[in-house]
PDB file of all heavy atoms in Angstrom:
ATOM      1  N   ARG A   1      -1.187  19.214 -57.509  1.00  0.00           N
ATOM      2  CA  ARG A   1       0.247  19.429 -57.283  1.00  0.00           C
ATOM      3  C   ARG A   1       0.879  20.187 -58.446  1.00  0.00           C
ATOM      4  O   ARG A   1       1.719  21.050 -58.260  1.00  0.00           O
ATOM      5  CB  ARG A   1       0.961  18.101 -57.066  1.00  0.00           C
ATOM      6  CG  ARG A   1       0.649  17.496 -55.725  1.00  0.00           C
ATOM      7  CD  ARG A   1       1.451  16.258 -55.475  1.00  0.00           C
ATOM      8  NE  ARG A   1       1.021  15.636 -54.234  1.00  0.00           N
ATOM      9  CZ  ARG A   1       1.174  14.379 -53.961  1.00  0.00           C
ATOM     10  NH1 ARG A   1       1.774  13.576 -54.836  1.00  0.00           N
ATOM     11  NH2 ARG A   1       0.766  13.885 -52.815  1.00  0.00           N
ATOM     12  N   LYS A   2       0.473  19.850 -59.667  1.00  0.00           N
ATOM     13  CA  LYS A   2       0.999  20.558 -60.836  1.00  0.00           C
ATOM     14  C   LYS A   2       0.618  22.034 -60.770  1.00  0.00           C
ATOM     15  O   LYS A   2       1.424  22.907 -61.047  1.00  0.00           O
ATOM     16  CB  LYS A   2       0.463  19.948 -62.132  1.00  0.00           C
ATOM     17  CG  LYS A   2       1.064  18.624 -62.481  1.00  0.00           C
ATOM     18  CD  LYS A   2       0.483  18.093 -63.765  1.00  0.00           C
ATOM     19  CE  LYS A   2       0.971  16.682 -64.051  1.00  0.00           C
ATOM     20  NZ  LYS A   2       0.356  16.125 -65.253  1.00  0.00           N
ATOM     21  N   GLN A   3      -0.619  22.313 -60.405  1.00  0.00           N
ATOM     22  CA  GLN A   3      -1.087  23.695 -60.303  1.00  0.00           C
ATOM     23  C   GLN A   3      -0.312  24.448 -59.221  1.00  0.00           C
ATOM     24  O   GLN A   3       0.069  25.597 -59.407  1.00  0.00           O
ATOM     25  CB  GLN A   3      -2.594  23.748 -59.999  1.00  0.00           C
ATOM     26  CG  GLN A   3      -3.158  25.150 -59.949  1.00  0.00           C
ATOM     27  CD  GLN A   3      -3.028  25.891 -61.261  1.00  0.00           C
ATOM     28  OE1 GLN A   3      -3.075  25.315 -62.334  1.00  0.00           O
ATOM     29  NE2 GLN A   3      -2.820  27.195 -61.177  1.00  0.00           N
ATOM     30  N   GLU A   4      -0.044  23.799 -58.082  1.00  0.00           N
ATOM     31  CA  GLU A   4       0.713  24.435 -57.011  1.00  0.00           C
ATOM     32  C   GLU A   4       2.132  24.761 -57.460  1.00  0.00           C
ATOM     33  O   GLU A   4       2.661  25.818 -57.147  1.00  0.00           O
ATOM     34  CB  GLU A   4       0.742  23.536 -55.775  1.00  0.00           C
ATOM     35  CG  GLU A   4      -0.570  23.478 -55.028  1.00  0.00           C
ATOM     36  CD  GLU A   4      -0.545  22.483 -53.875  1.00  0.00           C
ATOM     37  OE1 GLU A   4       0.509  21.861 -53.646  1.00  0.00           O
ATOM     38  OE2 GLU A   4      -1.579  22.340 -53.207  1.00  0.00           O
ATOM     39  N   SER A   5       2.755  23.857 -58.209  1.00  0.00           N
ATOM     40  CA  SER A   5       4.117  24.111 -58.665  1.00  0.00           C
ATOM     41  C   SER A   5       4.144  25.244 -59.687  1.00  0.00           C
ATOM     42  O   SER A   5       5.069  26.055 -59.702  1.00  0.00           O
ATOM     43  CB  SER A   5       4.756  22.846 -59.235  1.00  0.00           C
ATOM     44  OG  SER A   5       4.100  22.453 -60.420  1.00  0.00           O
ATOM     45  N   VAL A   6       3.119  25.334 -60.530  1.00  0.00           N
ATOM     46  CA  VAL A   6       3.038  26.434 -61.487  1.00  0.00           C
ATOM     47  C   VAL A   6       2.864  27.754 -60.741  1.00  0.00           C
ATOM     48  O   VAL A   6       3.494  28.756 -61.071  1.00  0.00           O
ATOM     49  CB  VAL A   6       1.873  26.208 -62.488  1.00  0.00           C
ATOM     50  CG1 VAL A   6       1.614  27.450 -63.312  1.00  0.00           C
ATOM     51  CG2 VAL A   6       2.179  25.024 -63.392  1.00  0.00           C
ATOM     52  N   ASP A   7       2.027  27.779 -59.701  1.00  0.00           N
ATOM     53  CA  ASP A   7       1.826  28.984 -58.905  1.00  0.00           C
ATOM     54  C   ASP A   7       3.114  29.399 -58.192  1.00  0.00           C
ATOM     55  O   ASP A   7       3.415  30.585 -58.087  1.00  0.00           O
ATOM     56  CB  ASP A   7       0.703  28.780 -57.877  1.00  0.00           C
ATOM     57  CG  ASP A   7      -0.669  28.705 -58.512  1.00  0.00           C
ATOM     58  OD1 ASP A   7      -0.800  29.158 -59.678  1.00  0.00           O
ATOM     59  OD2 ASP A   7      -1.607  28.189 -57.867  1.00  0.00           O
ATOM     60  N   ASP A   8       3.880  28.429 -57.700  1.00  0.00           N
ATOM     61  CA  ASP A   8       5.144  28.727 -57.042  1.00  0.00           C
ATOM     62  C   ASP A   8       6.127  29.366 -58.013  1.00  0.00           C
ATOM     63  O   ASP A   8       6.854  30.293 -57.658  1.00  0.00           O
ATOM     64  CB  ASP A   8       5.767  27.467 -56.443  1.00  0.00           C
ATOM     65  CG  ASP A   8       4.991  26.960 -55.235  1.00  0.00           C
ATOM     66  OD1 ASP A   8       4.233  27.756 -54.647  1.00  0.00           O
ATOM     67  OD2 ASP A   8       5.157  25.777 -54.886  1.00  0.00           O
ATOM     68  N   ILE A   9       6.154  28.901 -59.240  1.00  0.00           N
ATOM     69  CA  ILE A   9       7.049  29.462 -60.253  1.00  0.00           C
ATOM     70  C   ILE A   9       6.654  30.897 -60.558  1.00  0.00           C
ATOM     71  O   ILE A   9       7.492  31.775 -60.690  1.00  0.00           O
ATOM     72  CB  ILE A   9       7.024  28.600 -61.535  1.00  0.00           C
ATOM     73  CG1 ILE A   9       7.677  27.246 -61.257  1.00  0.00           C
ATOM     74  CG2 ILE A   9       7.738  29.319 -62.675  1.00  0.00           C
ATOM     75  CD1 ILE A   9       7.510  26.246 -62.372  1.00  0.00           C
ATOM     76  N   LYS A  10       5.369  31.182 -60.645  1.00  0.00           N
ATOM     77  CA  LYS A  10       4.895  32.531 -60.948  1.00  0.00           C
ATOM     78  C   LYS A  10       5.191  33.519 -59.823  1.00  0.00           C
ATOM     79  O   LYS A  10       5.267  34.705 -60.056  1.00  0.00           O
ATOM     80  CB  LYS A  10       3.385  32.515 -61.221  1.00  0.00           C
ATOM     81  CG  LYS A  10       3.017  31.858 -62.515  1.00  0.00           C
ATOM     82  CD  LYS A  10       1.519  31.897 -62.721  1.00  0.00           C
ATOM     83  CE  LYS A  10       1.122  31.194 -63.994  1.00  0.00           C
ATOM     84  NZ  LYS A  10      -0.329  31.187 -64.179  1.00  0.00           N
ATOM     85  N   LYS A  11       5.344  33.043 -58.596  1.00  0.00           N
ATOM     86  CA  LYS A  11       5.565  33.921 -57.452  1.00  0.00           C
ATOM     87  C   LYS A  11       6.992  34.442 -57.359  1.00  0.00           C
ATOM     88  O   LYS A  11       7.272  35.327 -56.583  1.00  0.00           O
ATOM     89  CB  LYS A  11       5.205  33.201 -56.155  1.00  0.00           C
ATOM     90  CG  LYS A  11       3.729  32.989 -55.990  1.00  0.00           C
ATOM     91  CD  LYS A  11       3.442  32.257 -54.699  1.00  0.00           C
ATOM     92  CE  LYS A  11       1.966  31.930 -54.594  1.00  0.00           C
ATOM     93  NZ  LYS A  11       1.686  31.137 -53.392  1.00  0.00           N
ATOM     94  N   ILE A  12       7.903  33.908 -58.150  1.00  0.00           N
ATOM     95  CA  ILE A  12       9.289  34.345 -58.102  1.00  0.00           C
ATOM     96  C   ILE A  12       9.356  35.782 -58.629  1.00  0.00           C
ATOM     97  O   ILE A  12       8.955  36.071 -59.742  1.00  0.00           O
ATOM     98  CB  ILE A  12      10.202  33.430 -58.943  1.00  0.00           C
ATOM     99  CG1 ILE A  12      10.212  32.024 -58.357  1.00  0.00           C
ATOM    100  CG2 ILE A  12      11.617  34.007 -59.007  1.00  0.00           C
ATOM    101  CD1 ILE A  12      10.919  31.011 -59.213  1.00  0.00           C
ATOM    102  N   VAL A  13       9.832  36.683 -57.787  1.00  0.00           N
ATOM    103  CA  VAL A  13       9.937  38.086 -58.162  1.00  0.00           C
ATOM    104  C   VAL A  13      11.399  38.488 -58.077  1.00  0.00           C
ATOM    105  O   VAL A  13      12.062  38.249 -57.075  1.00  0.00           O
ATOM    106  CB  VAL A  13       9.091  38.973 -57.213  1.00  0.00           C
ATOM    107  CG1 VAL A  13       9.290  40.439 -57.540  1.00  0.00           C
ATOM    108  CG2 VAL A  13       7.634  38.594 -57.293  1.00  0.00           C
ATOM    109  N   HIS A  14      11.872  39.098 -59.128  1.00  0.00           N
ATOM    110  CA  HIS A  14      13.255  39.562 -59.156  1.00  0.00           C
ATOM    111  C   HIS A  14      13.307  40.941 -58.531  1.00  0.00           C
ATOM    112  O   HIS A  14      12.586  41.840 -58.937  1.00  0.00           O
ATOM    113  CB  HIS A  14      13.770  39.616 -60.592  1.00  0.00           C
ATOM    114  CG  HIS A  14      13.680  38.287 -61.283  1.00  0.00           C
ATOM    115  ND1 HIS A  14      14.521  37.253 -60.986  1.00  0.00           N
ATOM    116  CD2 HIS A  14      12.827  37.819 -62.213  1.00  0.00           C
ATOM    117  CE1 HIS A  14      14.202  36.203 -61.729  1.00  0.00           C
ATOM    118  NE2 HIS A  14      13.168  36.527 -62.474  1.00  0.00           N
ATOM    119  N   THR A  15      14.156  41.124 -57.544  1.00  0.00           N
ATOM    120  CA  THR A  15      14.229  42.402 -56.849  1.00  0.00           C
ATOM    121  C   THR A  15      15.420  43.240 -57.291  1.00  0.00           C
ATOM    122  O   THR A  15      15.580  44.356 -56.824  1.00  0.00           O
ATOM    123  CB  THR A  15      14.317  42.189 -55.331  1.00  0.00           C
ATOM    124  OG1 THR A  15      15.447  41.386 -55.054  1.00  0.00           O
ATOM    125  CG2 THR A  15      13.058  41.539 -54.797  1.00  0.00           C
ATOM    126  N   TYR A  16      16.215  42.730 -58.183  1.00  0.00           N
ATOM    127  CA  TYR A  16      17.363  43.493 -58.645  1.00  0.00           C
ATOM    128  C   TYR A  16      16.955  44.376 -59.833  1.00  0.00           C
ATOM    129  O   TYR A  16      16.013  44.066 -60.550  1.00  0.00           O
ATOM    130  CB  TYR A  16      18.509  42.563 -59.051  1.00  0.00           C
ATOM    131  CG  TYR A  16      18.122  41.546 -60.091  1.00  0.00           C
ATOM    132  CD1 TYR A  16      18.208  41.848 -61.442  1.00  0.00           C
ATOM    133  CD2 TYR A  16      17.670  40.285 -59.730  1.00  0.00           C
ATOM    134  CE1 TYR A  16      17.855  40.925 -62.410  1.00  0.00           C
ATOM    135  CE2 TYR A  16      17.316  39.356 -60.684  1.00  0.00           C
ATOM    136  CZ  TYR A  16      17.405  39.686 -62.021  1.00  0.00           C
ATOM    137  OH  TYR A  16      17.047  38.766 -62.977  1.00  0.00           O
ATOM    138  N   PRO A  17      17.648  45.486 -60.036  1.00  0.00           N
ATOM    139  CA  PRO A  17      17.333  46.341 -61.184  1.00  0.00           C
ATOM    140  C   PRO A  17      17.834  45.707 -62.483  1.00  0.00           C
ATOM    141  O   PRO A  17      18.958  45.209 -62.540  1.00  0.00           O
ATOM    142  CB  PRO A  17      18.067  47.641 -60.882  1.00  0.00           C
ATOM    143  CG  PRO A  17      19.121  47.286 -59.911  1.00  0.00           C
ATOM    144  CD  PRO A  17      18.653  46.066 -59.169  1.00  0.00           C
ATOM    145  N   LEU A  18      16.998  45.729 -63.493  1.00  0.00           N
ATOM    146  CA  LEU A  18      17.340  45.162 -64.794  1.00  0.00           C
ATOM    147  C   LEU A  18      17.313  46.284 -65.822  1.00  0.00           C
ATOM    148  O   LEU A  18      16.244  46.794 -66.170  1.00  0.00           O
ATOM    149  CB  LEU A  18      16.343  44.066 -65.165  1.00  0.00           C
ATOM    150  CG  LEU A  18      16.505  43.426 -66.534  1.00  0.00           C
ATOM    151  CD1 LEU A  18      17.835  42.693 -66.619  1.00  0.00           C
ATOM    152  CD2 LEU A  18      15.364  42.476 -66.811  1.00  0.00           C
ATOM    153  N   LEU A  19      18.471  46.695 -66.278  1.00  0.00           N
ATOM    154  CA  LEU A  19      18.581  47.785 -67.234  1.00  0.00           C
ATOM    155  C   LEU A  19      18.182  47.288 -68.621  1.00  0.00           C
ATOM    156  O   LEU A  19      18.726  46.304 -69.121  1.00  0.00           O
ATOM    157  CB  LEU A  19      20.011  48.319 -67.258  1.00  0.00           C
ATOM    158  CG  LEU A  19      20.266  49.517 -68.150  1.00  0.00           C
ATOM    159  CD1 LEU A  19      19.464  50.718 -67.667  1.00  0.00           C
ATOM    160  CD2 LEU A  19      21.743  49.840 -68.168  1.00  0.00           C
ATOM    161  N   ARG A  20      17.232  47.967 -69.229  1.00  0.00           N
ATOM    162  CA  ARG A  20      16.759  47.589 -70.560  1.00  0.00           C
ATOM    163  C   ARG A  20      17.460  48.407 -71.643  1.00  0.00           C
ATOM    164  O   ARG A  20      17.891  47.888 -72.651  1.00  0.00           O
ATOM    165  CB  ARG A  20      15.246  47.777 -70.625  1.00  0.00           C
ATOM    166  CG  ARG A  20      14.621  47.327 -71.872  1.00  0.00           C
ATOM    167  CD  ARG A  20      14.570  45.815 -71.915  1.00  0.00           C
ATOM    168  NE  ARG A  20      13.840  45.431 -73.105  1.00  0.00           N
ATOM    169  CZ  ARG A  20      14.204  44.473 -73.911  1.00  0.00           C
ATOM    170  NH1 ARG A  20      15.254  43.745 -73.637  1.00  0.00           N
ATOM    171  NH2 ARG A  20      13.509  44.192 -74.980  1.00  0.00           N
ATOM    172  N   HIS A  21      17.544  49.729 -71.428  1.00  0.00           N
ATOM    173  CA  HIS A  21      18.203  50.591 -72.412  1.00  0.00           C
ATOM    174  C   HIS A  21      18.641  51.887 -71.750  1.00  0.00           C
ATOM    175  O   HIS A  21      17.921  52.438 -70.920  1.00  0.00           O
ATOM    176  CB  HIS A  21      17.247  50.929 -73.570  1.00  0.00           C
ATOM    177  CG  HIS A  21      17.839  51.896 -74.549  1.00  0.00           C
ATOM    178  ND1 HIS A  21      18.754  51.518 -75.484  1.00  0.00           N
ATOM    179  CD2 HIS A  21      17.677  53.227 -74.699  1.00  0.00           C
ATOM    180  CE1 HIS A  21      19.117  52.586 -76.191  1.00  0.00           C
ATOM    181  NE2 HIS A  21      18.469  53.635 -75.720  1.00  0.00           N
ATOM    182  N   THR A  22      19.800  52.365 -72.130  1.00  0.00           N
ATOM    183  CA  THR A  22      20.249  53.693 -71.706  1.00  0.00           C
ATOM    184  C   THR A  22      21.308  54.195 -72.668  1.00  0.00           C
ATOM    185  O   THR A  22      21.972  53.400 -73.338  1.00  0.00           O
ATOM    186  CB  THR A  22      20.816  53.694 -70.272  1.00  0.00           C
ATOM    187  OG1 THR A  22      21.029  55.041 -69.874  1.00  0.00           O
ATOM    188  CG2 THR A  22      22.100  52.918 -70.162  1.00  0.00           C
ATOM    189  N   ASP A  23      21.423  55.514 -72.744  1.00  0.00           N
ATOM    190  CA  ASP A  23      22.527  56.115 -73.478  1.00  0.00           C
ATOM    191  C   ASP A  23      23.271  57.110 -72.579  1.00  0.00           C
ATOM    192  O   ASP A  23      24.040  57.925 -73.056  1.00  0.00           O
ATOM    193  CB  ASP A  23      22.051  56.774 -74.774  1.00  0.00           C
ATOM    194  CG  ASP A  23      21.093  57.936 -74.541  1.00  0.00           C
ATOM    195  OD1 ASP A  23      20.686  58.161 -73.388  1.00  0.00           O
ATOM    196  OD2 ASP A  23      20.747  58.614 -75.527  1.00  0.00           O
ATOM    197  N   MET A  24      23.043  57.008 -71.262  1.00  0.00           N
ATOM    198  CA  MET A  24      23.696  57.880 -70.284  1.00  0.00           C
ATOM    199  C   MET A  24      25.156  57.473 -70.089  1.00  0.00           C
ATOM    200  O   MET A  24      25.529  56.335 -70.369  1.00  0.00           O
ATOM    201  CB  MET A  24      22.992  57.779 -68.920  1.00  0.00           C
ATOM    202  CG  MET A  24      21.614  58.332 -68.878  1.00  0.00           C
ATOM    203  SD  MET A  24      20.919  58.110 -67.226  1.00  0.00           S
ATOM    204  CE  MET A  24      19.414  59.056 -67.383  1.00  0.00           C
ATOM    205  N   SER A  25      25.931  58.416 -69.553  1.00  0.00           N
ATOM    206  CA  SER A  25      27.307  58.087 -69.176  1.00  0.00           C
ATOM    207  C   SER A  25      27.264  57.090 -68.019  1.00  0.00           C
ATOM    208  O   SER A  25      26.252  56.967 -67.329  1.00  0.00           O
ATOM    209  CB  SER A  25      28.056  59.347 -68.750  1.00  0.00           C
ATOM    210  OG  SER A  25      27.512  59.857 -67.544  1.00  0.00           O
TER     211      SER A  25
END
């Protein structure tokens, strides 16, 4: 059960864009 819960946590994928760095307008 612990292994299954760890696998479930790893499967979470963020689909939104995450800006790391920019110097654009």
